[in-house]
Amino acid sequence: MTIIMNGIHRKNLFSSMKSVGVYVPEESKYRVLCECLPWVELAEVANRHRSKRLDIHRGAPLNLRLHLGAYIVQTMDGLTDRK
């Protein structure tokens, strides 16, 4: 079996990159939804349900807003975890 290792030893792929900007139009359904969702209340409900299945105070901290946002987008657009 051949393994191609070209570029694997490069120190830092993004060493010359200073910043990245992303433009999201104000009319974007994701931006509108992000601004109007009650994130604190969503997090409380999610944590209440999560705490029934596991100890939410153990393990690595979870970025709950990121995960809830991903779940909402998946539901809105009919996406799977893989997509």
PDB file of N, CA and C in Angstrom:
ATOM      1  N   MET A   1       0.851  -1.173   0.000  1.00  0.00           N
ATOM      2  CA  MET A   1       0.000   0.000   0.000  1.00  0.00           C
ATOM      3  C   MET A   1       0.893   1.231   0.000  1.00  0.00           C
ATOM      4  N   THR A   2       0.558   2.207  -0.807  1.00  0.00           N
ATOM      5  CA  THR A   2       1.319   3.437  -0.901  1.00  0.00           C
ATOM      6  C   THR A   2       0.603   4.537  -0.126  1.00  0.00           C
ATOM      7  N   ILE A   3       1.386   5.255   0.664  1.00  0.00           N
ATOM      8  CA  ILE A   3       0.850   6.389   1.411  1.00  0.00           C
ATOM      9  C   ILE A   3       1.543   7.644   0.915  1.00  0.00           C
ATOM     10  N   ILE A   4       0.777   8.612   0.440  1.00  0.00           N
ATOM     11  CA  ILE A   4       1.342   9.862  -0.053  1.00  0.00           C
ATOM     12  C   ILE A   4       1.403  10.848   1.107  1.00  0.00           C
ATOM     13  N   MET A   5       2.608  11.296   1.425  1.00  0.00           N
ATOM     14  CA  MET A   5       2.814  12.158   2.586  1.00  0.00           C
ATOM     15  C   MET A   5       3.216  13.577   2.200  1.00  0.00           C
ATOM     16  N   ASN A   6       2.970  13.985   0.964  1.00  0.00           N
ATOM     17  CA  ASN A   6       3.353  15.326   0.520  1.00  0.00           C
ATOM     18  C   ASN A   6       2.726  16.393   1.408  1.00  0.00           C
ATOM     19  N   GLY A   7       3.556  17.282   1.940  1.00  0.00           N
ATOM     20  CA  GLY A   7       3.062  18.405   2.730  1.00  0.00           C
ATOM     21  C   GLY A   7       2.711  18.090   4.161  1.00  0.00           C
ATOM     22  N   ILE A   8       2.886  16.857   4.612  1.00  0.00           N
ATOM     23  CA  ILE A   8       2.473  16.486   5.964  1.00  0.00           C
ATOM     24  C   ILE A   8       3.361  17.138   7.028  1.00  0.00           C
ATOM     25  N   HIS A   9       4.577  17.477   6.654  1.00  0.00           N
ATOM     26  CA  HIS A   9       5.519  18.029   7.636  1.00  0.00           C
ATOM     27  C   HIS A   9       5.545  19.550   7.659  1.00  0.00           C
ATOM     28  N   ARG A  10       4.632  20.196   6.970  1.00  0.00           N
ATOM     29  CA  ARG A  10       4.540  21.652   6.997  1.00  0.00           C
ATOM     30  C   ARG A  10       4.207  22.095   8.417  1.00  0.00           C
ATOM     31  N   LYS A  11       4.908  23.095   8.921  1.00  0.00           N
ATOM     32  CA  LYS A  11       4.743  23.500  10.320  1.00  0.00           C
ATOM     33  C   LYS A  11       3.328  23.981  10.632  1.00  0.00           C
ATOM     34  N   ASN A  12       2.876  24.979   9.907  1.00  0.00           N
ATOM     35  CA  ASN A  12       1.543  25.502  10.180  1.00  0.00           C
ATOM     36  C   ASN A  12       0.899  25.891   8.866  1.00  0.00           C
ATOM     37  N   LEU A  13      -0.189  25.264   8.560  1.00  0.00           N
ATOM     38  CA  LEU A  13      -0.873  25.483   7.293  1.00  0.00           C
ATOM     39  C   LEU A  13      -1.374  26.919   7.156  1.00  0.00           C
ATOM     40  N   PHE A  14      -1.738  27.553   8.263  1.00  0.00           N
ATOM     41  CA  PHE A  14      -2.346  28.876   8.220  1.00  0.00           C
ATOM     42  C   PHE A  14      -1.457  29.951   8.845  1.00  0.00           C
ATOM     43  N   SER A  15      -0.145  29.759   8.839  1.00  0.00           N
ATOM     44  CA  SER A  15       0.738  30.707   9.514  1.00  0.00           C
ATOM     45  C   SER A  15       0.674  32.105   8.912  1.00  0.00           C
ATOM     46  N   SER A  16       0.415  32.227   7.614  1.00  0.00           N
ATOM     47  CA  SER A  16       0.361  33.554   7.000  1.00  0.00           C
ATOM     48  C   SER A  16      -1.039  34.161   7.041  1.00  0.00           C
ATOM     49  N   MET A  17      -2.033  33.409   7.474  1.00  0.00           N
ATOM     50  CA  MET A  17      -3.410  33.895   7.501  1.00  0.00           C
ATOM     51  C   MET A  17      -3.637  34.723   8.765  1.00  0.00           C
ATOM     52  N   LYS A  18      -4.150  35.915   8.595  1.00  0.00           N
ATOM     53  CA  LYS A  18      -4.403  36.802   9.736  1.00  0.00           C
ATOM     54  C   LYS A  18      -5.842  36.715  10.227  1.00  0.00           C
ATOM     55  N   SER A  19      -6.793  36.697   9.307  1.00  0.00           N
ATOM     56  CA  SER A  19      -8.192  36.611   9.700  1.00  0.00           C
ATOM     57  C   SER A  19      -9.026  36.143   8.514  1.00  0.00           C
ATOM     58  N   VAL A  20     -10.209  35.721   8.837  1.00  0.00           N
ATOM     59  CA  VAL A  20     -11.147  35.272   7.822  1.00  0.00           C
ATOM     60  C   VAL A  20     -12.467  35.980   8.081  1.00  0.00           C
ATOM     61  N   GLY A  21     -13.065  36.507   7.039  1.00  0.00           N
ATOM     62  CA  GLY A  21     -14.350  37.170   7.188  1.00  0.00           C
ATOM     63  C   GLY A  21     -15.424  36.413   6.423  1.00  0.00           C
ATOM     64  N   VAL A  22     -16.604  36.377   6.997  1.00  0.00           N
ATOM     65  CA  VAL A  22     -17.732  35.714   6.348  1.00  0.00           C
ATOM     66  C   VAL A  22     -18.891  36.701   6.337  1.00  0.00           C
ATOM     67  N   TYR A  23     -19.447  36.932   5.170  1.00  0.00           N
ATOM     68  CA  TYR A  23     -20.585  37.830   5.053  1.00  0.00           C
ATOM     69  C   TYR A  23     -21.871  37.006   5.031  1.00  0.00           C
ATOM     70  N   VAL A  24     -22.772  37.331   5.931  1.00  0.00           N
ATOM     71  CA  VAL A  24     -24.088  36.690   5.966  1.00  0.00           C
ATOM     72  C   VAL A  24     -25.121  37.798   5.784  1.00  0.00           C
ATOM     73  N   PRO A  25     -25.894  37.753   4.702  1.00  0.00           N
ATOM     74  CA  PRO A  25     -26.886  38.813   4.452  1.00  0.00           C
ATOM     75  C   PRO A  25     -27.895  38.929   5.589  1.00  0.00           C
ATOM     76  N   GLU A  26     -28.362  40.133   5.815  1.00  0.00           N
ATOM     77  CA  GLU A  26     -29.345  40.360   6.877  1.00  0.00           C
ATOM     78  C   GLU A  26     -30.632  39.579   6.650  1.00  0.00           C
ATOM     79  N   GLU A  27     -30.949  39.264   5.400  1.00  0.00           N
ATOM     80  CA  GLU A  27     -32.186  38.546   5.083  1.00  0.00           C
ATOM     81  C   GLU A  27     -32.046  37.036   5.247  1.00  0.00           C
ATOM     82  N   SER A  28     -30.849  36.553   5.535  1.00  0.00           N
ATOM     83  CA  SER A  28     -30.627  35.111   5.668  1.00  0.00           C
ATOM     84  C   SER A  28     -31.536  34.535   6.750  1.00  0.00           C
ATOM     85  N   LYS A  29     -32.179  33.418   6.433  1.00  0.00           N
ATOM     86  CA  LYS A  29     -33.098  32.819   7.410  1.00  0.00           C
ATOM     87  C   LYS A  29     -32.368  32.411   8.686  1.00  0.00           C
ATOM     88  N   TYR A  30     -31.088  32.064   8.574  1.00  0.00           N
ATOM     89  CA  TYR A  30     -30.318  31.670   9.752  1.00  0.00           C
ATOM     90  C   TYR A  30     -30.005  32.871  10.636  1.00  0.00           C
ATOM     91  N   ARG A  31     -29.684  33.994  10.010  1.00  0.00           N
ATOM     92  CA  ARG A  31     -29.384  35.203  10.774  1.00  0.00           C
ATOM     93  C   ARG A  31     -30.634  35.731  11.465  1.00  0.00           C
ATOM     94  N   VAL A  32     -31.742  35.743  10.761  1.00  0.00           N
ATOM     95  CA  VAL A  32     -33.007  36.199  11.351  1.00  0.00           C
ATOM     96  C   VAL A  32     -33.382  35.302  12.526  1.00  0.00           C
ATOM     97  N   LEU A  33     -33.284  34.003  12.330  1.00  0.00           N
ATOM     98  CA  LEU A  33     -33.632  33.058  13.386  1.00  0.00           C
ATOM     99  C   LEU A  33     -32.700  33.196  14.588  1.00  0.00           C
ATOM    100  N   CYS A  34     -31.420  33.376  14.324  1.00  0.00           N
ATOM    101  CA  CYS A  34     -30.431  33.527  15.392  1.00  0.00           C
ATOM    102  C   CYS A  34     -30.753  34.721  16.282  1.00  0.00           C
ATOM    103  N   GLU A  35     -31.231  35.777  15.666  1.00  0.00           N
ATOM    104  CA  GLU A  35     -31.512  36.997  16.421  1.00  0.00           C
ATOM    105  C   GLU A  35     -32.829  36.946  17.190  1.00  0.00           C
ATOM    106  N   CYS A  36     -33.738  36.066  16.805  1.00  0.00           N
ATOM    107  CA  CYS A  36     -35.044  36.074  17.480  1.00  0.00           C
ATOM    108  C   CYS A  36     -35.278  34.863  18.394  1.00  0.00           C
ATOM    109  N   LEU A  37     -34.418  33.856  18.342  1.00  0.00           N
ATOM    110  CA  LEU A  37     -34.610  32.696  19.216  1.00  0.00           C
ATOM    111  C   LEU A  37     -34.273  33.024  20.666  1.00  0.00           C
ATOM    112  N   PRO A  38     -35.044  32.510  21.606  1.00  0.00           N
ATOM    113  CA  PRO A  38     -34.742  32.713  23.030  1.00  0.00           C
ATOM    114  C   PRO A  38     -33.687  31.688  23.477  1.00  0.00           C
ATOM    115  N   TRP A  39     -32.403  31.997  23.258  1.00  0.00           N
ATOM    116  CA  TRP A  39     -31.323  31.029  23.473  1.00  0.00           C
ATOM    117  C   TRP A  39     -31.238  30.542  24.915  1.00  0.00           C
ATOM    118  N   VAL A  40     -31.446  31.421  25.879  1.00  0.00           N
ATOM    119  CA  VAL A  40     -31.347  31.026  27.287  1.00  0.00           C
ATOM    120  C   VAL A  40     -32.428  29.993  27.621  1.00  0.00           C
ATOM    121  N   GLU A  41     -33.648  30.257  27.187  1.00  0.00           N
ATOM    122  CA  GLU A  41     -34.747  29.326  27.456  1.00  0.00           C
ATOM    123  C   GLU A  41     -34.514  27.991  26.731  1.00  0.00           C
ATOM    124  N   LEU A  42     -34.026  28.049  25.498  1.00  0.00           N
ATOM    125  CA  LEU A  42     -33.714  26.813  24.767  1.00  0.00           C
ATOM    126  C   LEU A  42     -32.659  25.999  25.501  1.00  0.00           C
ATOM    127  N   ALA A  43     -31.632  26.672  26.017  1.00  0.00           N
ATOM    128  CA  ALA A  43     -30.566  25.983  26.741  1.00  0.00           C
ATOM    129  C   ALA A  43     -31.098  25.339  28.020  1.00  0.00           C
ATOM    130  N   GLU A  44     -31.985  26.027  28.716  1.00  0.00           N
ATOM    131  CA  GLU A  44     -32.564  25.473  29.944  1.00  0.00           C
ATOM    132  C   GLU A  44     -33.367  24.213  29.646  1.00  0.00           C
ATOM    133  N   VAL A  45     -34.180  24.251  28.605  1.00  0.00           N
ATOM    134  CA  VAL A  45     -34.975  23.076  28.222  1.00  0.00           C
ATOM    135  C   VAL A  45     -34.046  21.931  27.797  1.00  0.00           C
ATOM    136  N   ALA A  46     -33.050  22.248  26.985  1.00  0.00           N
ATOM    137  CA  ALA A  46     -32.116  21.213  26.525  1.00  0.00           C
ATOM    138  C   ALA A  46     -31.374  20.588  27.699  1.00  0.00           C
ATOM    139  N   ASN A  47     -30.905  21.405  28.626  1.00  0.00           N
ATOM    140  CA  ASN A  47     -30.182  20.872  29.788  1.00  0.00           C
ATOM    141  C   ASN A  47     -31.086  20.045  30.687  1.00  0.00           C
ATOM    142  N   ARG A  48     -32.341  20.429  30.797  1.00  0.00           N
ATOM    143  CA  ARG A  48     -33.280  19.645  31.598  1.00  0.00           C
ATOM    144  C   ARG A  48     -33.437  18.245  31.001  1.00  0.00           C
ATOM    145  N   HIS A  49     -33.561  18.163  29.680  1.00  0.00           N
ATOM    146  CA  HIS A  49     -33.700  16.862  29.022  1.00  0.00           C
ATOM    147  C   HIS A  49     -32.383  16.084  29.032  1.00  0.00           C
ATOM    148  N   ARG A  50     -31.258  16.788  28.832  1.00  0.00           N
ATOM    149  CA  ARG A  50     -29.958  16.120  28.849  1.00  0.00           C
ATOM    150  C   ARG A  50     -29.656  15.541  30.227  1.00  0.00           C
ATOM    151  N   SER A  51     -30.047  16.258  31.279  1.00  0.00           N
ATOM    152  CA  SER A  51     -29.726  15.811  32.635  1.00  0.00           C
ATOM    153  C   SER A  51     -30.492  14.542  33.018  1.00  0.00           C
ATOM    154  N   LYS A  52     -31.559  14.228  32.308  1.00  0.00           N
ATOM    155  CA  LYS A  52     -32.290  12.979  32.558  1.00  0.00           C
ATOM    156  C   LYS A  52     -31.510  11.772  32.051  1.00  0.00           C
ATOM    157  N   ARG A  53     -30.643  11.981  31.062  1.00  0.00           N
ATOM    158  CA  ARG A  53     -29.898  10.882  30.449  1.00  0.00           C
ATOM    159  C   ARG A  53     -28.457  10.788  30.937  1.00  0.00           C
ATOM    160  N   LEU A  54     -27.861  11.925  31.337  1.00  0.00           N
ATOM    161  CA  LEU A  54     -26.458  11.907  31.743  1.00  0.00           C
ATOM    162  C   LEU A  54     -26.168  13.025  32.730  1.00  0.00           C
ATOM    163  N   ASP A  55     -25.005  12.926  33.361  1.00  0.00           N
ATOM    164  CA  ASP A  55     -24.574  13.960  34.298  1.00  0.00           C
ATOM    165  C   ASP A  55     -23.974  15.093  33.477  1.00  0.00           C
ATOM    166  N   ILE A  56     -24.695  16.209  33.374  1.00  0.00           N
ATOM    167  CA  ILE A  56     -24.262  17.300  32.496  1.00  0.00           C
ATOM    168  C   ILE A  56     -23.105  18.102  33.083  1.00  0.00           C
ATOM    169  N   HIS A  57     -22.708  17.814  34.313  1.00  0.00           N
ATOM    170  CA  HIS A  57     -21.616  18.544  34.948  1.00  0.00           C
ATOM    171  C   HIS A  57     -20.293  17.793  34.858  1.00  0.00           C
ATOM    172  N   ARG A  58     -20.280  16.634  34.221  1.00  0.00           N
ATOM    173  CA  ARG A  58     -19.047  15.854  34.069  1.00  0.00           C
ATOM    174  C   ARG A  58     -18.604  15.878  32.614  1.00  0.00           C
ATOM    175  N   GLY A  59     -17.329  15.684  32.421  1.00  0.00           N
ATOM    176  CA  GLY A  59     -16.797  15.629  31.058  1.00  0.00           C
ATOM    177  C   GLY A  59     -16.458  17.005  30.511  1.00  0.00           C
ATOM    178  N   ALA A  60     -16.121  17.030  29.245  1.00  0.00           N
ATOM    179  CA  ALA A  60     -15.750  18.280  28.589  1.00  0.00           C
ATOM    180  C   ALA A  60     -16.960  19.207  28.486  1.00  0.00           C
ATOM    181  N   PRO A  61     -16.746  20.506  28.638  1.00  0.00           N
ATOM    182  CA  PRO A  61     -17.868  21.442  28.520  1.00  0.00           C
ATOM    183  C   PRO A  61     -18.449  21.429  27.105  1.00  0.00           C
ATOM    184  N   LEU A  62     -19.730  21.561  27.017  1.00  0.00           N
ATOM    185  CA  LEU A  62     -20.440  21.527  25.740  1.00  0.00           C
ATOM    186  C   LEU A  62     -20.817  22.945  25.333  1.00  0.00           C
ATOM    187  N   ASN A  63     -20.507  23.313  24.099  1.00  0.00           N
ATOM    188  CA  ASN A  63     -20.951  24.600  23.572  1.00  0.00           C
ATOM    189  C   ASN A  63     -22.405  24.403  23.139  1.00  0.00           C
ATOM    190  N   LEU A  64     -23.306  24.608  24.074  1.00  0.00           N
ATOM    191  CA  LEU A  64     -24.711  24.277  23.866  1.00  0.00           C
ATOM    192  C   LEU A  64     -25.348  25.105  22.756  1.00  0.00           C
ATOM    193  N   ARG A  65     -24.975  26.368  22.643  1.00  0.00           N
ATOM    194  CA  ARG A  65     -25.563  27.196  21.582  1.00  0.00           C
ATOM    195  C   ARG A  65     -25.152  26.670  20.211  1.00  0.00           C
ATOM    196  N   LEU A  66     -23.903  26.273  20.071  1.00  0.00           N
ATOM    197  CA  LEU A  66     -23.432  25.719  18.806  1.00  0.00           C
ATOM    198  C   LEU A  66     -24.179  24.439  18.461  1.00  0.00           C
ATOM    199  N   HIS A  67     -24.330  23.552  19.432  1.00  0.00           N
ATOM    200  CA  HIS A  67     -25.012  22.282  19.178  1.00  0.00           C
ATOM    201  C   HIS A  67     -26.502  22.472  18.910  1.00  0.00           C
ATOM    202  N   LEU A  68     -27.133  23.359  19.662  1.00  0.00           N
ATOM    203  CA  LEU A  68     -28.551  23.634  19.406  1.00  0.00           C
ATOM    204  C   LEU A  68     -28.742  24.254  18.032  1.00  0.00           C
ATOM    205  N   GLY A  69     -27.858  25.175  17.665  1.00  0.00           N
ATOM    206  CA  GLY A  69     -27.927  25.788  16.344  1.00  0.00           C
ATOM    207  C   GLY A  69     -27.785  24.766  15.235  1.00  0.00           C
ATOM    208  N   ALA A  70     -26.833  23.840  15.394  1.00  0.00           N
ATOM    209  CA  ALA A  70     -26.638  22.797  14.387  1.00  0.00           C
ATOM    210  C   ALA A  70     -27.875  21.907  14.290  1.00  0.00           C
ATOM    211  N   TYR A  71     -28.457  21.565  15.427  1.00  0.00           N
ATOM    212  CA  TYR A  71     -29.657  20.727  15.429  1.00  0.00           C
ATOM    213  C   TYR A  71     -30.831  21.438  14.746  1.00  0.00           C
ATOM    214  N   ILE A  72     -30.979  22.726  15.023  1.00  0.00           N
ATOM    215  CA  ILE A  72     -32.064  23.505  14.411  1.00  0.00           C
ATOM    216  C   ILE A  72     -31.878  23.571  12.898  1.00  0.00           C
ATOM    217  N   VAL A  73     -30.648  23.830  12.447  1.00  0.00           N
ATOM    218  CA  VAL A  73     -30.374  23.884  11.007  1.00  0.00           C
ATOM    219  C   VAL A  73     -30.651  22.532  10.364  1.00  0.00           C
ATOM    220  N   GLN A  74     -30.228  21.453  11.014  1.00  0.00           N
ATOM    221  CA  GLN A  74     -30.499  20.110  10.477  1.00  0.00           C
ATOM    222  C   GLN A  74     -31.996  19.886  10.314  1.00  0.00           C
ATOM    223  N   THR A  75     -32.752  20.283  11.314  1.00  0.00           N
ATOM    224  CA  THR A  75     -34.200  20.084  11.280  1.00  0.00           C
ATOM    225  C   THR A  75     -34.852  20.939  10.193  1.00  0.00           C
ATOM    226  N   MET A  76     -34.417  22.190  10.088  1.00  0.00           N
ATOM    227  CA  MET A  76     -35.000  23.101   9.091  1.00  0.00           C
ATOM    228  C   MET A  76     -34.726  22.629   7.673  1.00  0.00           C
ATOM    229  N   ASP A  77     -33.519  22.139   7.417  1.00  0.00           N
ATOM    230  CA  ASP A  77     -33.101  21.801   6.056  1.00  0.00           C
ATOM    231  C   ASP A  77     -33.129  20.312   5.754  1.00  0.00           C
ATOM    232  N   GLY A  78     -33.593  19.502   6.710  1.00  0.00           N
ATOM    233  CA  GLY A  78     -33.684  18.063   6.489  1.00  0.00           C
ATOM    234  C   GLY A  78     -32.319  17.395   6.306  1.00  0.00           C
ATOM    235  N   LEU A  79     -31.318  17.865   7.047  1.00  0.00           N
ATOM    236  CA  LEU A  79     -29.962  17.336   6.919  1.00  0.00           C
ATOM    237  C   LEU A  79     -29.693  16.235   7.941  1.00  0.00           C
ATOM    238  N   THR A  80     -28.800  15.339   7.582  1.00  0.00           N
ATOM    239  CA  THR A  80     -28.329  14.317   8.523  1.00  0.00           C
ATOM    240  C   THR A  80     -27.044  14.795   9.174  1.00  0.00           C
ATOM    241  N   ASP A  81     -26.555  14.075  10.182  1.00  0.00           N
ATOM    242  CA  ASP A  81     -25.294  14.429  10.815  1.00  0.00           C
ATOM    243  C   ASP A  81     -24.154  14.416   9.806  1.00  0.00           C
ATOM    244  N   ARG A  82     -24.180  13.483   8.915  1.00  0.00           N
ATOM    245  CA  ARG A  82     -23.121  13.362   7.920  1.00  0.00           C
ATOM    246  C   ARG A  82     -23.108  14.556   6.961  1.00  0.00           C
ATOM    247  N   LYS A  83     -24.279  15.019   6.570  1.00  0.00           N
ATOM    248  CA  LYS A  83     -24.352  16.163   5.643  1.00  0.00           C
ATOM    249  C   LYS A  83     -23.918  17.416   6.354  1.00  0.00           C
TER     250      LYS A  83
END
